[in-house]
Amino acid sequence: MTLSQNADANVFYFCWKSPSNIALIKYWGKSGNQLPANASLSITLKEAYTLTRIKAGFIQGGSGPEVEFRFEGEKNEAFGSRIESFLKSVVPHFAFLKEVRLEIESGNNFPHSAGIASSASAMSALALCLCSLEKEITGREISREAFLQKASFISRIGSGSACRSVYGGISVWGKHTSVEGSDDAFAVPLSFELNPLFSDIRDTILIVDPGQKKVSSSVGHNLMKGHAYAAARYTQAASNLTALLLALKQGDWETFSLITENEALSLHAMMMTSRPGYLLMHPNSLNIIEKVTDFRKQSGSAVCFTLDAGPNVHLLYPAGESDKIKPLVEELKDYCYKGTAIEDTMGSGPEKLNCR
């Protein structure tokens, strides 16, 4: 990616690298301006990320924001239109946007639109850039906690799950009685220390299909309105979150696995029972799930699986089982697109980079 350089003091440059996340407690269904129907919990990843750079300069007339957007080096009208709409929607929270022209360049190091929460990493990276720009333009002092909370709030407007990517480790989005400070408007990091068993969770992402999903997440969320099982699903998610938080405190991997897999299958069950119903899992997704279940029974391994709204499968396991899992991963690559598997782990969150 290249951004033109300008020595003008009224031109600003910011660059953030923000990771994707994988939800263990799934959010499915929303209301209002990207508000969740149920609280969710996710692991922030390390190696699957979006890199976003912005160049901002002032314009006359207050007709902004003016936007030029490039994705992976090329102009992308579909993404650019979404970014422009997002920027206009957050003008009430960033008054300076009316006075600027933005050159935005973004790129992922993983397949976008394939169920690896690419919108989460992309929108969180952009929101962090905007918050950095606001801080620079206004000169206003702000605590790191307040900065991240606003970035999470702004991220949510662009993509619900993006608000969780602002924090490293494990975060929760949505009001829940068991999570202090939790809110529908932004995510919060866990307020307690994880049991050491969960301090270094590994995630091997098996790319079954890198292509764009047949049904977007936005459409899927809308189909929850009037869904016959929606109320029961929201009750299930709340109960599962309470139990999962306790498992994370106590080091209970068995309960962690049970809930994680239950949430993944419940998510796809809601898709299949929508009207109209649809399938995002592929036959090889099911083959992988079956192989993982058999391997766990035969070996006593702690490995478990989850899926986002797509066909790709995440294998989660403690770092201490990495060697034990390697033969399984090699076998499962036969079910992946060109044998593609991304080795990832729980990360520490976004990173501000030097644009120059």
Protein backbone atom coordinates (compact mmCIF):
# COMPACT_ATOMS: atom_id res chain seq x y z
CA MET A 1 0.00 0.00 0.00
CA THR A 2 1.25 3.48 -0.81
CA LEU A 3 0.12 6.84 0.48
CA SER A 4 1.38 10.06 -1.02
CA GLN A 5 3.53 12.08 1.40
CA ASN A 6 2.98 15.75 2.12
CA ALA A 7 4.97 18.03 4.37
CA ASP A 8 1.97 20.26 5.02
CA ALA A 9 1.38 20.45 8.78
CA ASN A 10 -2.37 20.24 8.17
CA VAL A 11 -2.11 16.79 6.65
CA PHE A 12 -2.32 13.86 9.06
CA TYR A 13 -1.32 10.20 8.68
CA PHE A 14 -2.39 7.30 10.84
CA CYS A 15 -2.03 3.55 10.55
CA TRP A 16 -3.51 0.80 12.70
CA LYS A 17 -3.27 -2.96 12.51
CA SER A 18 -6.35 -4.54 14.04
CA PRO A 19 -7.09 -8.26 14.40
CA SER A 20 -10.11 -10.34 13.67
CA ASN A 21 -11.88 -12.13 16.50
CA ILE A 22 -13.74 -15.38 16.85
CA ALA A 23 -16.93 -15.35 18.90
CA LEU A 24 -17.48 -18.22 21.32
CA ILE A 25 -20.85 -16.90 22.47
CA LYS A 26 -22.46 -15.82 19.22
CA TYR A 27 -24.42 -12.64 18.63
CA TRP A 28 -27.16 -13.21 16.08
CA GLY A 29 -29.96 -10.72 15.71
CA LYS A 30 -29.87 -6.98 16.28
CA SER A 31 -32.00 -3.87 16.64
CA GLY A 32 -31.65 -0.11 16.30
CA ASN A 33 -28.24 1.14 15.26
CA GLN A 34 -26.24 -2.09 15.43
CA LEU A 35 -27.37 -3.06 18.93
CA PRO A 36 -27.17 -6.77 19.79
CA ALA A 37 -30.13 -8.95 20.66
CA ASN A 38 -27.87 -10.88 23.06
CA ALA A 39 -24.48 -10.46 24.68
CA SER A 40 -21.51 -12.14 23.02
CA LEU A 41 -17.97 -13.15 24.00
CA SER A 42 -14.98 -13.50 21.70
CA ILE A 43 -11.29 -14.27 21.54
CA THR A 44 -9.21 -11.62 19.80
CA LEU A 45 -6.81 -13.24 17.35
CA LYS A 46 -3.22 -12.31 16.56
CA GLU A 47 -2.24 -13.37 13.03
CA ALA A 48 -5.49 -12.66 11.12
CA TYR A 49 -5.62 -8.88 10.82
CA THR A 50 -6.44 -5.81 8.73
CA LEU A 51 -3.94 -3.04 8.11
CA THR A 52 -5.57 0.36 7.50
CA ARG A 53 -3.86 3.65 6.68
CA ILE A 54 -5.49 7.04 6.38
CA LYS A 55 -4.26 10.36 5.07
CA ALA A 56 -6.44 13.29 6.11
CA GLY A 57 -6.36 16.85 4.86
CA PHE A 58 -8.69 19.79 5.37
CA ILE A 59 -11.16 20.96 2.70
CA GLN A 60 -13.21 24.12 2.37
CA GLY A 61 -16.97 24.45 2.68
CA GLY A 62 -17.82 21.80 5.26
CA SER A 63 -19.13 19.41 2.62
CA GLY A 64 -17.09 16.42 3.76
CA PRO A 65 -16.14 13.85 4.36
CA GLU A 66 -14.66 13.32 0.92
CA VAL A 67 -13.33 9.78 0.57
CA GLU A 68 -10.99 7.87 -1.68
CA PHE A 69 -10.82 4.20 -0.71
CA ARG A 70 -8.53 1.43 -1.89
CA PHE A 71 -8.67 -2.20 -0.84
CA GLU A 72 -5.46 -4.17 -1.27
CA GLY A 73 -4.15 -1.55 -3.67
CA GLU A 74 -7.20 -1.33 -5.92
CA LYS A 75 -10.23 0.93 -5.94
CA ASN A 76 -13.23 -1.06 -4.72
CA GLU A 77 -16.58 0.62 -5.33
CA ALA A 78 -18.60 -1.78 -3.18
CA PHE A 79 -16.33 -1.43 -0.16
CA GLY A 80 -15.82 2.26 -0.83
CA SER A 81 -19.57 2.91 -0.81
CA ARG A 82 -19.92 1.10 2.51
CA ILE A 83 -17.03 3.09 4.00
CA GLU A 84 -18.52 6.37 2.79
CA SER A 85 -21.90 5.54 4.32
CA PHE A 86 -20.20 4.57 7.57
CA LEU A 87 -18.24 7.82 7.73
CA LYS A 88 -21.38 9.89 7.15
CA SER A 89 -23.14 7.97 9.91
CA VAL A 90 -20.44 8.82 12.47
CA VAL A 91 -20.25 12.56 11.69
CA PRO A 92 -22.32 13.27 14.85
CA HIS A 93 -19.44 11.71 16.84
CA PHE A 94 -16.62 13.30 14.80
CA ALA A 95 -17.59 16.85 13.83
CA PHE A 96 -14.24 17.35 12.07
CA LEU A 97 -15.24 14.85 9.37
CA LYS A 98 -17.24 17.59 7.64
CA GLU A 99 -13.97 19.44 7.05
CA VAL A 100 -11.69 16.66 5.77
CA ARG A 101 -10.78 14.60 2.77
CA LEU A 102 -9.66 11.07 3.57
CA GLU A 103 -7.49 8.74 1.54
CA ILE A 104 -8.01 5.29 3.02
CA GLU A 105 -6.09 2.16 2.14
CA SER A 106 -6.91 -1.17 3.69
CA GLY A 107 -5.91 -4.79 3.26
CA ASN A 108 -6.32 -8.13 5.00
CA ASN A 109 -3.82 -10.95 5.41
CA PHE A 110 -6.68 -13.48 5.24
CA PRO A 111 -9.68 -14.13 2.94
CA HIS A 112 -12.42 -11.52 3.36
CA SER A 113 -16.17 -12.25 3.44
CA ALA A 114 -15.55 -15.93 4.23
CA GLY A 115 -16.63 -16.10 7.85
CA ILE A 116 -13.40 -14.95 9.55
CA ALA A 117 -14.88 -11.63 10.70
CA SER A 118 -13.06 -9.50 8.15
CA SER A 119 -15.48 -6.63 8.79
CA ALA A 120 -14.52 -6.82 12.48
CA SER A 121 -10.84 -6.25 11.84
CA ALA A 122 -11.45 -3.71 9.05
CA MET A 123 -13.95 -1.52 10.88
CA SER A 124 -12.04 -1.60 14.15
CA ALA A 125 -8.83 -0.56 12.35
CA LEU A 126 -10.66 2.33 10.66
CA ALA A 127 -12.33 3.42 13.90
CA LEU A 128 -8.97 3.47 15.67
CA CYS A 129 -7.55 5.64 12.88
CA LEU A 130 -10.47 8.05 13.23
CA CYS A 131 -10.06 8.27 17.01
CA SER A 132 -6.35 8.95 16.54
CA LEU A 133 -7.18 11.66 14.01
CA GLU A 134 -9.67 13.25 16.41
CA LYS A 135 -7.10 13.27 19.21
CA GLU A 136 -4.53 14.92 16.93
CA ILE A 137 -6.86 17.56 15.49
CA THR A 138 -8.47 18.54 18.80
CA GLY A 139 -5.36 18.18 20.98
CA ARG A 140 -7.66 16.84 23.65
CA GLU A 141 -6.10 14.63 26.33
CA ILE A 142 -7.91 11.33 26.71
CA SER A 143 -7.17 8.23 28.76
CA ARG A 144 -6.36 4.97 27.00
CA GLU A 145 -9.51 3.43 28.48
CA ALA A 146 -11.70 6.24 27.11
CA PHE A 147 -9.93 6.14 23.74
CA LEU A 148 -10.53 2.41 23.34
CA GLN A 149 -14.12 2.67 24.53
CA LYS A 150 -14.89 5.30 21.88
CA ALA A 151 -13.09 3.23 19.22
CA SER A 152 -15.23 0.25 20.24
CA PHE A 153 -18.40 2.37 20.09
CA ILE A 154 -17.52 3.70 16.62
CA SER A 155 -16.47 0.24 15.39
CA ARG A 156 -19.86 -1.15 16.38
CA ILE A 157 -21.64 1.29 14.08
CA GLY A 158 -19.66 -0.08 11.13
CA SER A 159 -19.86 -3.75 12.11
CA GLY A 160 -21.25 -5.15 15.32
CA SER A 161 -18.52 -7.69 16.00
CA ALA A 162 -15.84 -5.06 15.27
CA CYS A 163 -16.33 -3.51 18.70
CA ARG A 164 -14.78 -6.61 20.29
CA SER A 165 -11.59 -6.45 18.17
CA VAL A 166 -10.54 -3.22 19.88
CA TYR A 167 -9.46 -5.23 22.93
CA GLY A 168 -6.93 -8.02 23.25
CA GLY A 169 -7.58 -11.34 24.94
CA ILE A 170 -11.26 -11.98 25.61
CA SER A 171 -13.97 -9.34 25.48
CA VAL A 172 -17.73 -9.14 25.90
CA TRP A 173 -20.21 -7.04 23.96
CA GLY A 174 -23.76 -6.55 25.17
CA LYS A 175 -25.41 -6.08 28.53
CA HIS A 176 -25.10 -9.10 30.79
CA THR A 177 -25.62 -9.34 34.54
CA SER A 178 -22.41 -11.34 35.01
CA VAL A 179 -20.14 -8.80 33.28
CA GLU A 180 -19.37 -5.57 35.10
CA GLY A 181 -19.64 -2.49 32.89
CA SER A 182 -21.05 -4.43 29.95
CA ASP A 183 -23.07 -2.40 27.47
CA ASP A 184 -24.89 -2.81 24.17
CA ALA A 185 -23.09 0.25 22.75
CA PHE A 186 -19.51 -1.01 23.11
CA ALA A 187 -17.44 -4.00 24.18
CA VAL A 188 -15.51 -4.39 27.43
CA PRO A 189 -12.49 -6.55 28.29
CA LEU A 190 -12.90 -9.23 30.93
CA SER A 191 -12.54 -7.81 34.42
CA PHE A 192 -10.91 -10.94 35.87
CA GLU A 193 -7.76 -12.93 35.16
CA LEU A 194 -8.19 -16.05 33.08
CA ASN A 195 -7.29 -19.38 34.55
CA PRO A 196 -3.77 -20.25 33.27
CA LEU A 197 -5.26 -23.03 31.13
CA PHE A 198 -6.88 -20.33 28.95
CA SER A 199 -3.97 -17.87 28.91
CA ASP A 200 -2.62 -19.13 25.58
CA ILE A 201 -5.48 -20.50 23.50
CA ARG A 202 -4.47 -21.67 20.03
CA ASP A 203 -6.76 -21.36 17.02
CA THR A 204 -6.10 -23.24 13.81
CA ILE A 205 -8.43 -21.83 11.14
CA LEU A 206 -9.29 -24.37 8.46
CA ILE A 207 -10.21 -22.58 5.23
CA VAL A 208 -12.88 -24.75 3.67
CA ASP A 209 -13.90 -22.05 1.19
CA PRO A 210 -12.19 -18.62 0.85
CA GLY A 211 -14.98 -17.20 -1.30
CA GLN A 212 -17.68 -14.73 -0.39
CA LYS A 213 -20.60 -16.06 1.61
CA LYS A 214 -23.83 -16.75 -0.29
CA VAL A 215 -25.83 -14.94 2.39
CA SER A 216 -24.37 -11.91 4.18
CA SER A 217 -24.36 -11.60 7.95
CA SER A 218 -26.57 -8.51 7.67
CA VAL A 219 -29.26 -10.53 5.92
CA GLY A 220 -28.87 -13.30 8.49
CA HIS A 221 -29.32 -10.90 11.40
CA ASN A 222 -32.48 -9.48 9.85
CA LEU A 223 -33.94 -12.96 9.48
CA MET A 224 -33.93 -13.26 13.28
CA LYS A 225 -36.81 -10.80 13.38
CA GLY A 226 -39.89 -12.95 13.78
CA HIS A 227 -37.83 -16.15 13.90
CA ALA A 228 -39.78 -18.92 15.64
CA TYR A 229 -36.86 -19.78 17.92
CA ALA A 230 -35.39 -16.31 18.50
CA ALA A 231 -36.53 -15.88 22.11
CA ALA A 232 -35.24 -19.31 23.10
CA ARG A 233 -31.93 -18.58 21.36
CA TYR A 234 -31.39 -15.35 23.28
CA THR A 235 -32.12 -17.12 26.56
CA GLN A 236 -29.68 -19.89 25.59
CA ALA A 237 -26.93 -17.39 24.76
CA ALA A 238 -27.30 -15.60 28.10
CA SER A 239 -27.16 -18.88 30.01
CA ASN A 240 -24.17 -20.10 28.01
CA LEU A 241 -22.29 -16.85 28.65
CA THR A 242 -22.76 -17.18 32.41
CA ALA A 243 -21.48 -20.76 32.34
CA LEU A 244 -18.57 -19.94 30.05
CA LEU A 245 -17.35 -17.10 32.28
CA LEU A 246 -17.25 -19.52 35.21
CA ALA A 247 -15.34 -22.07 33.12
CA LEU A 248 -12.77 -19.44 32.16
CA LYS A 249 -12.24 -18.61 35.84
CA GLN A 250 -12.03 -22.20 37.01
CA GLY A 251 -10.01 -23.71 34.16
CA ASP A 252 -12.84 -26.01 33.10
CA TRP A 253 -11.95 -26.91 29.51
CA GLU A 254 -14.65 -29.55 29.25
CA THR A 255 -17.39 -27.00 29.87
CA PHE A 256 -15.58 -24.51 27.63
CA SER A 257 -15.64 -27.06 24.76
CA LEU A 258 -19.25 -28.05 25.35
CA ILE A 259 -20.50 -24.46 25.27
CA THR A 260 -18.27 -23.38 22.38
CA GLU A 261 -19.50 -26.17 20.13
CA ASN A 262 -23.10 -25.75 21.26
CA GLU A 263 -22.95 -22.06 20.31
CA ALA A 264 -21.48 -22.77 16.88
CA LEU A 265 -24.09 -25.39 16.03
CA SER A 266 -26.89 -23.23 17.45
CA LEU A 267 -25.81 -20.33 15.22
CA HIS A 268 -26.03 -22.46 12.10
CA ALA A 269 -29.29 -24.05 13.31
CA MET A 270 -30.82 -20.56 13.44
CA MET A 271 -29.72 -19.99 9.85
CA MET A 272 -31.20 -23.29 8.69
CA THR A 273 -34.52 -22.64 10.43
CA SER A 274 -34.93 -19.05 9.23
CA ARG A 275 -37.52 -18.17 6.60
CA PRO A 276 -36.08 -18.57 4.09
CA GLY A 277 -33.62 -21.04 5.53
CA TYR A 278 -30.07 -21.28 4.25
CA LEU A 279 -26.84 -23.21 4.73
CA LEU A 280 -23.39 -21.65 5.11
CA MET A 281 -21.61 -24.84 6.13
CA HIS A 282 -20.20 -26.94 3.32
CA PRO A 283 -19.99 -30.75 3.21
CA ASN A 284 -16.32 -30.50 4.16
CA SER A 285 -17.24 -28.38 7.18
CA LEU A 286 -19.27 -31.32 8.42
CA ASN A 287 -16.49 -33.77 7.55
CA ILE A 288 -14.08 -31.72 9.68
CA ILE A 289 -16.50 -31.55 12.61
CA GLU A 290 -16.95 -35.32 12.51
CA LYS A 291 -13.19 -35.92 12.36
CA VAL A 292 -12.56 -33.57 15.29
CA THR A 293 -15.21 -35.27 17.42
CA ASP A 294 -13.79 -38.73 16.65
CA PHE A 295 -10.22 -37.59 17.34
CA ARG A 296 -11.21 -36.16 20.71
CA LYS A 297 -12.97 -39.38 21.74
CA GLN A 298 -10.05 -41.57 20.69
CA SER A 299 -7.18 -39.44 21.97
CA GLY A 300 -8.65 -37.66 24.98
CA SER A 301 -7.55 -34.36 23.45
CA ALA A 302 -9.04 -31.06 24.61
CA VAL A 303 -9.52 -29.80 21.03
CA CYS A 304 -12.90 -28.33 20.16
CA PHE A 305 -14.38 -26.51 17.18
CA THR A 306 -16.35 -23.41 16.39
CA LEU A 307 -17.55 -21.66 13.24
CA ASP A 308 -18.57 -18.11 12.49
CA ALA A 309 -21.21 -17.30 9.88
CA GLY A 310 -19.44 -19.23 7.14
CA PRO A 311 -18.01 -22.63 6.23
CA ASN A 312 -14.55 -22.30 7.77
CA VAL A 313 -13.80 -24.18 10.98
CA HIS A 314 -11.74 -22.95 13.93
CA LEU A 315 -9.96 -25.56 16.07
CA LEU A 316 -9.40 -24.29 19.61
CA TYR A 317 -7.01 -25.98 22.04
CA PRO A 318 -4.55 -25.17 24.84
CA ALA A 319 -1.01 -24.31 23.72
CA GLY A 320 0.26 -27.40 25.52
CA GLU A 321 -1.58 -29.64 23.06
CA SER A 322 -0.08 -28.13 19.91
CA ASP A 323 2.11 -31.14 19.10
CA LYS A 324 -0.74 -33.54 19.81
CA ILE A 325 -3.00 -31.65 17.39
CA LYS A 326 -0.53 -31.48 14.46
CA PRO A 327 -1.42 -34.88 12.93
CA LEU A 328 -5.11 -34.00 13.10
CA VAL A 329 -4.53 -30.67 11.34
CA GLU A 330 -2.53 -32.36 8.58
CA GLU A 331 -5.38 -34.82 8.03
CA LEU A 332 -8.01 -32.07 8.01
CA LYS A 333 -6.13 -30.06 5.38
CA ASP A 334 -7.48 -32.58 2.86
CA TYR A 335 -10.88 -30.95 3.40
CA CYS A 336 -9.57 -27.40 3.01
CA TYR A 337 -9.24 -25.18 -0.04
CA LYS A 338 -5.77 -25.93 -1.40
CA GLY A 339 -4.88 -27.37 2.00
CA THR A 340 -5.04 -23.94 3.60
CA ALA A 341 -4.91 -23.64 7.38
CA ILE A 342 -4.03 -20.46 9.32
CA GLU A 343 -2.20 -20.99 12.60
CA ASP A 344 -3.33 -18.37 15.05
CA THR A 345 -3.45 -17.67 18.76
CA MET A 346 -5.07 -15.31 21.22
CA GLY A 347 -3.59 -11.85 20.68
CA SER A 348 -3.02 -8.69 22.67
CA GLY A 349 -5.16 -6.46 20.46
CA PRO A 350 -4.66 -3.70 17.86
CA GLU A 351 -1.33 -1.98 17.27
CA LYS A 352 -0.68 1.57 16.13
CA LEU A 353 2.00 1.69 13.42
CA ASN A 354 4.20 4.38 11.94
CA CYS A 355 2.87 5.42 8.52
CA ARG A 356 5.98 7.22 7.40
